[in-house]
Every structure is written in structure tokens, then in C-alpha cells.
Amino acid sequence: AIDKVIAVLKTTQKKKLEVLEQRVFTYNKTAKVNPS
């Protein structure tokens, strides 16, 4: 779904999104022991 969103963005928006993608991070202490 995200790929489809990016596909309709303008070039300038895509560049800004690339910057943000490198600067947003989430941390989850719970390990994915048995992913579904």
C-alpha cells in the first residue's frame, strides 16, 4: 500500500519522504520469537 502511495507523489514529495524514512525509527523490545 505504501508503494502505491509513493507512486502518486510528486518528485519533490518523494525526495522529502526519502529523508523522513531515514529519520523515523521505532523500537520494540519484544522479540518476534514466533512470527505469524
All heavy atoms as atom14 arrays in JSON, in Angstrom:
{
  "sequence": "AIDKVIAVLKTTQKKKLEVLEQRVFTYNKTAKVNPS",
  "atom14_mask": [
    [1, 1, 1, 1, 1, 0, 0, 0, 0, 0, 0, 0, 0, 0],
    [1, 1, 1, 1, 1, 1, 1, 1, 0, 0, 0, 0, 0, 0],
    [1, 1, 1, 1, 1, 1, 1, 1, 0, 0, 0, 0, 0, 0],
    [1, 1, 1, 1, 1, 1, 1, 1, 1, 0, 0, 0, 0, 0],
    [1, 1, 1, 1, 1, 1, 1, 0, 0, 0, 0, 0, 0, 0],
    [1, 1, 1, 1, 1, 1, 1, 1, 0, 0, 0, 0, 0, 0],
    [1, 1, 1, 1, 1, 0, 0, 0, 0, 0, 0, 0, 0, 0],
    [1, 1, 1, 1, 1, 1, 1, 0, 0, 0, 0, 0, 0, 0],
    [1, 1, 1, 1, 1, 1, 1, 1, 0, 0, 0, 0, 0, 0],
    [1, 1, 1, 1, 1, 1, 1, 1, 1, 0, 0, 0, 0, 0],
    [1, 1, 1, 1, 1, 1, 1, 0, 0, 0, 0, 0, 0, 0],
    [1, 1, 1, 1, 1, 1, 1, 0, 0, 0, 0, 0, 0, 0],
    [1, 1, 1, 1, 1, 1, 1, 1, 1, 0, 0, 0, 0, 0],
    [1, 1, 1, 1, 1, 1, 1, 1, 1, 0, 0, 0, 0, 0],
    [1, 1, 1, 1, 1, 1, 1, 1, 1, 0, 0, 0, 0, 0],
    [1, 1, 1, 1, 1, 1, 1, 1, 1, 0, 0, 0, 0, 0],
    [1, 1, 1, 1, 1, 1, 1, 1, 0, 0, 0, 0, 0, 0],
    [1, 1, 1, 1, 1, 1, 1, 1, 1, 0, 0, 0, 0, 0],
    [1, 1, 1, 1, 1, 1, 1, 0, 0, 0, 0, 0, 0, 0],
    [1, 1, 1, 1, 1, 1, 1, 1, 0, 0, 0, 0, 0, 0],
    [1, 1, 1, 1, 1, 1, 1, 1, 1, 0, 0, 0, 0, 0],
    [1, 1, 1, 1, 1, 1, 1, 1, 1, 0, 0, 0, 0, 0],
    [1, 1, 1, 1, 1, 1, 1, 1, 1, 1, 1, 0, 0, 0],
    [1, 1, 1, 1, 1, 1, 1, 0, 0, 0, 0, 0, 0, 0],
    [1, 1, 1, 1, 1, 1, 1, 1, 1, 1, 1, 0, 0, 0],
    [1, 1, 1, 1, 1, 1, 1, 0, 0, 0, 0, 0, 0, 0],
    [1, 1, 1, 1, 1, 1, 1, 1, 1, 1, 1, 1, 0, 0],
    [1, 1, 1, 1, 1, 1, 1, 1, 0, 0, 0, 0, 0, 0],
    [1, 1, 1, 1, 1, 1, 1, 1, 1, 0, 0, 0, 0, 0],
    [1, 1, 1, 1, 1, 1, 1, 0, 0, 0, 0, 0, 0, 0],
    [1, 1, 1, 1, 1, 0, 0, 0, 0, 0, 0, 0, 0, 0],
    [1, 1, 1, 1, 1, 1, 1, 1, 1, 0, 0, 0, 0, 0],
    [1, 1, 1, 1, 1, 1, 1, 0, 0, 0, 0, 0, 0, 0],
    [1, 1, 1, 1, 1, 1, 1, 1, 0, 0, 0, 0, 0, 0],
    [1, 1, 1, 1, 1, 1, 1, 0, 0, 0, 0, 0, 0, 0],
    [1, 1, 1, 1, 1, 1, 0, 0, 0, 0, 0, 0, 0, 0]
  ],
  "atom14_positions": [
    [[0.82, -1.2, 0.0], [0.0, 0.0, 0.0], [0.86, 1.26, 0.0], [0.58, 2.23, -0.72], [-0.94, 0.0, 1.21], [0.0, 0.0, 0.0], [0.0, 0.0, 0.0], [0.0, 0.0, 0.0], [0.0, 0.0, 0.0], [0.0, 0.0, 0.0], [0.0, 0.0, 0.0], [0.0, 0.0, 0.0], [0.0, 0.0, 0.0], [0.0, 0.0, 0.0]],
    [[1.94, 1.26, 0.8], [2.83, 2.4, 0.86], [3.49, 2.64, -0.5], [3.65, 3.79, -0.95], [3.92, 2.2, 1.94], [3.3, 2.31, 3.33], [5.05, 3.21, 1.79], [2.76, 3.69, 3.65], [0.0, 0.0, 0.0], [0.0, 0.0, 0.0], [0.0, 0.0, 0.0], [0.0, 0.0, 0.0], [0.0, 0.0, 0.0], [0.0, 0.0, 0.0]],
    [[3.88, 1.58, -1.18], [4.49, 1.72, -2.51], [3.53, 2.41, -3.48], [3.95, 3.22, -4.32], [4.89, 0.35, -3.05], [6.07, -0.25, -2.31], [6.77, 0.5, -1.6], [6.29, -1.48, -2.42], [0.0, 0.0, 0.0], [0.0, 0.0, 0.0], [0.0, 0.0, 0.0], [0.0, 0.0, 0.0], [0.0, 0.0, 0.0], [0.0, 0.0, 0.0]],
    [[2.23, 2.1, -3.37], [1.24, 2.74, -4.24], [1.07, 4.21, -3.9], [0.85, 5.05, -4.78], [-0.1, 2.0, -4.13], [-0.07, 0.6, -4.71], [-1.39, -0.11, -4.53], [-1.33, -1.53, -5.1], [-2.59, -2.28, -4.89], [0.0, 0.0, 0.0], [0.0, 0.0, 0.0], [0.0, 0.0, 0.0], [0.0, 0.0, 0.0], [0.0, 0.0, 0.0]],
    [[1.17, 4.53, -2.6], [1.09, 5.93, -2.19], [2.27, 6.71, -2.76], [2.11, 7.79, -3.34], [1.1, 6.04, -0.64], [1.25, 7.49, -0.21], [-0.18, 5.45, -0.07], [0.0, 0.0, 0.0], [0.0, 0.0, 0.0], [0.0, 0.0, 0.0], [0.0, 0.0, 0.0], [0.0, 0.0, 0.0], [0.0, 0.0, 0.0], [0.0, 0.0, 0.0]],
    [[3.46, 6.16, -2.62], [4.67, 6.83, -3.12], [4.61, 7.04, -4.62], [5.08, 8.05, -5.16], [5.93, 6.03, -2.73], [6.09, 6.01, -1.2], [7.18, 6.61, -3.37], [7.23, 5.14, -0.71], [0.0, 0.0, 0.0], [0.0, 0.0, 0.0], [0.0, 0.0, 0.0], [0.0, 0.0, 0.0], [0.0, 0.0, 0.0], [0.0, 0.0, 0.0]],
    [[3.98, 6.08, -5.31], [3.91, 6.14, -6.78], [3.15, 7.36, -7.28], [3.43, 7.86, -8.39], [3.29, 4.86, -7.32], [0.0, 0.0, 0.0], [0.0, 0.0, 0.0], [0.0, 0.0, 0.0], [0.0, 0.0, 0.0], [0.0, 0.0, 0.0], [0.0, 0.0, 0.0], [0.0, 0.0, 0.0], [0.0, 0.0, 0.0], [0.0, 0.0, 0.0]],
    [[2.19, 7.86, -6.5], [1.38, 9.0, -6.96], [1.9, 10.34, -6.44], [1.32, 11.39, -6.74], [-0.11, 8.83, -6.57], [-0.68, 7.56, -7.16], [-0.28, 8.85, -5.05], [0.0, 0.0, 0.0], [0.0, 0.0, 0.0], [0.0, 0.0, 0.0], [0.0, 0.0, 0.0], [0.0, 0.0, 0.0], [0.0, 0.0, 0.0], [0.0, 0.0, 0.0]],
    [[2.99, 10.32, -5.67], [3.54, 11.57, -5.15], [4.37, 12.3, -6.2], [4.92, 11.68, -7.11], [4.42, 11.28, -3.92], [3.74, 10.7, -2.68], [4.77, 10.45, -1.59], [2.64, 11.62, -2.18], [0.0, 0.0, 0.0], [0.0, 0.0, 0.0], [0.0, 0.0, 0.0], [0.0, 0.0, 0.0], [0.0, 0.0, 0.0], [0.0, 0.0, 0.0]],
    [[4.46, 13.59, -6.02], [5.33, 14.38, -6.89], [6.79, 14.09, -6.55], [7.1, 13.61, -5.46], [5.04, 15.87, -6.71], [3.62, 16.28, -7.1], [3.41, 17.75, -6.82], [1.98, 18.17, -7.17], [1.74, 19.61, -6.86], [0.0, 0.0, 0.0], [0.0, 0.0, 0.0], [0.0, 0.0, 0.0], [0.0, 0.0, 0.0], [0.0, 0.0, 0.0]],
    [[7.69, 14.39, -7.48], [9.11, 14.11, -7.28], [9.65, 14.78, -6.03], [10.4, 14.18, -5.25], [9.92, 14.57, -8.5], [9.44, 13.89, -9.66], [11.4, 14.25, -8.31], [0.0, 0.0, 0.0], [0.0, 0.0, 0.0], [0.0, 0.0, 0.0], [0.0, 0.0, 0.0], [0.0, 0.0, 0.0], [0.0, 0.0, 0.0], [0.0, 0.0, 0.0]],
    [[9.25, 16.03, -5.8], [9.74, 16.75, -4.61], [9.23, 16.09, -3.33], [9.95, 16.03, -2.33], [9.28, 18.21, -4.64], [7.84, 18.27, -4.81], [9.94, 18.97, -5.78], [0.0, 0.0, 0.0], [0.0, 0.0, 0.0], [0.0, 0.0, 0.0], [0.0, 0.0, 0.0], [0.0, 0.0, 0.0], [0.0, 0.0, 0.0], [0.0, 0.0, 0.0]],
    [[7.97, 15.6, -3.36], [7.41, 14.92, -2.19], [8.15, 13.61, -1.93], [8.4, 13.25, -0.78], [5.92, 14.65, -2.4], [5.06, 15.91, -2.39], [3.6, 15.59, -2.68], [3.29, 14.87, -3.63], [2.71, 16.12, -1.87], [0.0, 0.0, 0.0], [0.0, 0.0, 0.0], [0.0, 0.0, 0.0], [0.0, 0.0, 0.0], [0.0, 0.0, 0.0]],
    [[8.48, 12.89, -2.99], [9.19, 11.62, -2.85], [10.55, 11.83, -2.18], [10.97, 11.06, -1.32], [9.38, 10.95, -4.21], [8.09, 10.41, -4.82], [8.36, 9.79, -6.2], [7.06, 9.3, -6.81], [7.26, 8.74, -8.17], [0.0, 0.0, 0.0], [0.0, 0.0, 0.0], [0.0, 0.0, 0.0], [0.0, 0.0, 0.0], [0.0, 0.0, 0.0]],
    [[11.25, 12.9, -2.59], [12.56, 13.2, -2.02], [12.44, 13.5, -0.53], [13.27, 13.06, 0.27], [13.21, 14.36, -2.76], [13.65, 14.01, -4.19], [14.31, 15.2, -4.87], [14.77, 14.82, -6.29], [15.38, 15.99, -6.97], [0.0, 0.0, 0.0], [0.0, 0.0, 0.0], [0.0, 0.0, 0.0], [0.0, 0.0, 0.0], [0.0, 0.0, 0.0]],
    [[11.42, 14.26, -0.16], [11.22, 14.59, 1.26], [10.88, 13.34, 2.05], [11.32, 13.16, 3.19], [10.09, 15.62, 1.41], [10.46, 17.01, 0.92], [9.32, 17.99, 1.16], [9.68, 19.39, 0.74], [8.6, 20.35, 0.99], [0.0, 0.0, 0.0], [0.0, 0.0, 0.0], [0.0, 0.0, 0.0], [0.0, 0.0, 0.0], [0.0, 0.0, 0.0]],
    [[10.1, 12.45, 1.43], [9.73, 11.22, 2.1], [10.95, 10.31, 2.31], [11.05, 9.6, 3.32], [8.66, 10.48, 1.29], [7.7, 9.57, 2.08], [6.94, 10.38, 3.12], [6.74, 8.86, 1.16], [0.0, 0.0, 0.0], [0.0, 0.0, 0.0], [0.0, 0.0, 0.0], [0.0, 0.0, 0.0], [0.0, 0.0, 0.0], [0.0, 0.0, 0.0]],
    [[11.86, 10.33, 1.36], [13.1, 9.55, 1.49], [13.92, 10.04, 2.69], [14.51, 9.24, 3.42], [13.92, 9.66, 0.21], [13.33, 8.9, -0.98], [14.11, 9.13, -2.26], [15.11, 9.88, -2.21], [13.71, 8.58, -3.3], [0.0, 0.0, 0.0], [0.0, 0.0, 0.0], [0.0, 0.0, 0.0], [0.0, 0.0, 0.0], [0.0, 0.0, 0.0]],
    [[13.95, 11.36, 2.87], [14.67, 11.93, 4.02], [14.01, 11.48, 5.32], [14.67, 11.03, 6.26], [14.69, 13.47, 3.94], [15.27, 14.05, 5.23], [15.5, 13.93, 2.74], [0.0, 0.0, 0.0], [0.0, 0.0, 0.0], [0.0, 0.0, 0.0], [0.0, 0.0, 0.0], [0.0, 0.0, 0.0], [0.0, 0.0, 0.0], [0.0, 0.0, 0.0]],
    [[12.67, 11.59, 5.36], [11.95, 11.23, 6.58], [12.08, 9.75, 6.88], [12.19, 9.35, 8.05], [10.47, 11.59, 6.43], [9.61, 11.47, 7.7], [10.1, 12.45, 8.75], [8.15, 11.72, 7.38], [0.0, 0.0, 0.0], [0.0, 0.0, 0.0], [0.0, 0.0, 0.0], [0.0, 0.0, 0.0], [0.0, 0.0, 0.0], [0.0, 0.0, 0.0]],
    [[12.13, 8.92, 5.85], [12.22, 7.48, 6.03], [13.49, 7.1, 6.8], [13.5, 6.15, 7.58], [12.21, 6.79, 4.66], [11.8, 5.32, 4.69], [12.94, 4.4, 5.08], [14.1, 4.77, 4.86], [12.66, 3.3, 5.6], [0.0, 0.0, 0.0], [0.0, 0.0, 0.0], [0.0, 0.0, 0.0], [0.0, 0.0, 0.0], [0.0, 0.0, 0.0]],
    [[14.54, 7.88, 6.6], [15.81, 7.63, 7.28], [15.85, 8.22, 8.69], [16.79, 7.95, 9.44], [16.96, 8.23, 6.45], [17.09, 7.64, 5.05], [17.41, 6.16, 5.08], [18.16, 5.69, 5.93], [16.84, 5.41, 4.14], [0.0, 0.0, 0.0], [0.0, 0.0, 0.0], [0.0, 0.0, 0.0], [0.0, 0.0, 0.0], [0.0, 0.0, 0.0]],
    [[14.84, 9.0, 9.03], [14.89, 9.71, 10.31], [13.74, 9.4, 11.25], [13.53, 10.1, 12.24], [14.95, 11.23, 10.04], [16.16, 11.6, 9.19], [16.31, 13.09, 9.03], [17.41, 13.4, 8.13], [17.85, 14.62, 7.88], [17.28, 15.66, 8.5], [18.85, 14.83, 7.03], [0.0, 0.0, 0.0], [0.0, 0.0, 0.0], [0.0, 0.0, 0.0]],
    [[12.97, 8.37, 10.92], [11.91, 7.9, 11.8], [12.23, 6.48, 12.21], [12.49, 5.63, 11.35], [10.52, 7.96, 11.11], [9.46, 7.34, 12.01], [10.16, 9.38, 10.75], [0.0, 0.0, 0.0], [0.0, 0.0, 0.0], [0.0, 0.0, 0.0], [0.0, 0.0, 0.0], [0.0, 0.0, 0.0], [0.0, 0.0, 0.0], [0.0, 0.0, 0.0]],
    [[12.23, 6.23, 13.51], [12.61, 4.9, 14.0], [11.68, 4.49, 15.13], [11.29, 5.31, 15.96], [14.06, 4.91, 14.49], [14.53, 3.6, 15.05], [14.82, 2.53, 14.23], [14.66, 3.44, 16.43], [15.24, 1.32, 14.75], [15.08, 2.23, 16.96], [15.37, 1.16, 16.12], [0.0, 0.0, 0.0], [0.0, 0.0, 0.0], [0.0, 0.0, 0.0]],
    [[11.3, 3.25, 15.16], [10.51, 2.72, 16.26], [11.26, 1.55, 16.89], [11.93, 0.79, 16.18], [9.13, 2.23, 15.79], [9.3, 1.26, 14.74], [8.29, 3.38, 15.28], [0.0, 0.0, 0.0], [0.0, 0.0, 0.0], [0.0, 0.0, 0.0], [0.0, 0.0, 0.0], [0.0, 0.0, 0.0], [0.0, 0.0, 0.0], [0.0, 0.0, 0.0]],
    [[11.15, 1.44, 18.2], [11.87, 0.38, 18.9], [10.89, -0.48, 19.66], [10.03, 0.02, 20.39], [12.89, 0.98, 19.88], [13.63, -0.05, 20.69], [14.53, -0.93, 20.09], [13.42, -0.14, 22.07], [15.2, -1.88, 20.83], [14.1, -1.09, 22.81], [14.99, -1.95, 22.2], [15.65, -2.9, 22.94], [0.0, 0.0, 0.0], [0.0, 0.0, 0.0]],
    [[10.99, -1.77, 19.47], [10.12, -2.72, 20.15], [10.97, -3.74, 20.88], [11.72, -4.48, 20.25], [9.19, -3.41, 19.14], [8.17, -4.31, 19.82], [8.11, -4.38, 21.05], [7.37, -4.99, 19.02], [0.0, 0.0, 0.0], [0.0, 0.0, 0.0], [0.0, 0.0, 0.0], [0.0, 0.0, 0.0], [0.0, 0.0, 0.0], [0.0, 0.0, 0.0]],
    [[10.86, -3.77, 22.2], [11.7, -4.69, 22.97], [11.29, -6.15, 22.78], [12.08, -7.04, 22.98], [11.59, -4.34, 24.46], [12.17, -3.0, 24.84], [12.27, -2.92, 26.34], [11.84, -1.58, 26.83], [11.91, -1.49, 28.29], [0.0, 0.0, 0.0], [0.0, 0.0, 0.0], [0.0, 0.0, 0.0], [0.0, 0.0, 0.0], [0.0, 0.0, 0.0]],
    [[10.02, -6.37, 22.44], [9.53, -7.74, 22.32], [10.06, -8.39, 21.05], [9.82, -7.92, 19.95], [7.99, -7.77, 22.28], [7.49, -7.06, 23.4], [7.48, -9.2, 22.31], [0.0, 0.0, 0.0], [0.0, 0.0, 0.0], [0.0, 0.0, 0.0], [0.0, 0.0, 0.0], [0.0, 0.0, 0.0], [0.0, 0.0, 0.0], [0.0, 0.0, 0.0]],
    [[10.78, -9.48, 21.21], [11.35, -10.19, 20.05], [10.26, -10.98, 19.33], [9.33, -11.49, 19.94], [12.45, -11.14, 20.5], [0.0, 0.0, 0.0], [0.0, 0.0, 0.0], [0.0, 0.0, 0.0], [0.0, 0.0, 0.0], [0.0, 0.0, 0.0], [0.0, 0.0, 0.0], [0.0, 0.0, 0.0], [0.0, 0.0, 0.0], [0.0, 0.0, 0.0]],
    [[10.39, -11.06, 18.02], [9.45, -11.85, 17.22], [9.89, -13.32, 17.25], [10.46, -13.83, 16.3], [9.41, -11.33, 15.79], [8.99, -9.88, 15.65], [9.01, -9.45, 14.2], [8.74, -7.98, 14.06], [8.8, -7.52, 12.67], [0.0, 0.0, 0.0], [0.0, 0.0, 0.0], [0.0, 0.0, 0.0], [0.0, 0.0, 0.0], [0.0, 0.0, 0.0]],
    [[9.62, -13.98, 18.36], [10.05, -15.37, 18.52], [9.32, -16.28, 17.55], [9.92, -17.09, 16.86], [9.82, -15.84, 19.98], [10.26, -17.28, 20.14], [10.57, -14.94, 20.95], [0.0, 0.0, 0.0], [0.0, 0.0, 0.0], [0.0, 0.0, 0.0], [0.0, 0.0, 0.0], [0.0, 0.0, 0.0], [0.0, 0.0, 0.0], [0.0, 0.0, 0.0]],
    [[8.01, -16.16, 17.52], [7.19, -16.98, 16.61], [6.31, -16.07, 15.76], [5.12, -15.92, 16.03], [6.32, -17.95, 17.42], [7.13, -18.93, 18.22], [7.99, -19.61, 17.67], [6.88, -19.01, 19.51], [0.0, 0.0, 0.0], [0.0, 0.0, 0.0], [0.0, 0.0, 0.0], [0.0, 0.0, 0.0], [0.0, 0.0, 0.0], [0.0, 0.0, 0.0]],
    [[6.87, -15.46, 14.74], [6.07, -14.56, 13.91], [4.96, -15.32, 13.18], [5.12, -16.48, 12.82], [7.09, -13.99, 12.93], [8.16, -15.02, 12.86], [8.25, -15.59, 14.24], [0.0, 0.0, 0.0], [0.0, 0.0, 0.0], [0.0, 0.0, 0.0], [0.0, 0.0, 0.0], [0.0, 0.0, 0.0], [0.0, 0.0, 0.0], [0.0, 0.0, 0.0]],
    [[3.81, -14.67, 13.01], [2.71, -15.28, 12.29], [2.69, -14.77, 10.86], [3.31, -13.76, 10.53], [1.38, -14.97, 12.98], [1.05, -13.6, 12.83], [0.0, 0.0, 0.0], [0.0, 0.0, 0.0], [0.0, 0.0, 0.0], [0.0, 0.0, 0.0], [0.0, 0.0, 0.0], [0.0, 0.0, 0.0], [0.0, 0.0, 0.0], [0.0, 0.0, 0.0]]
  ]
}
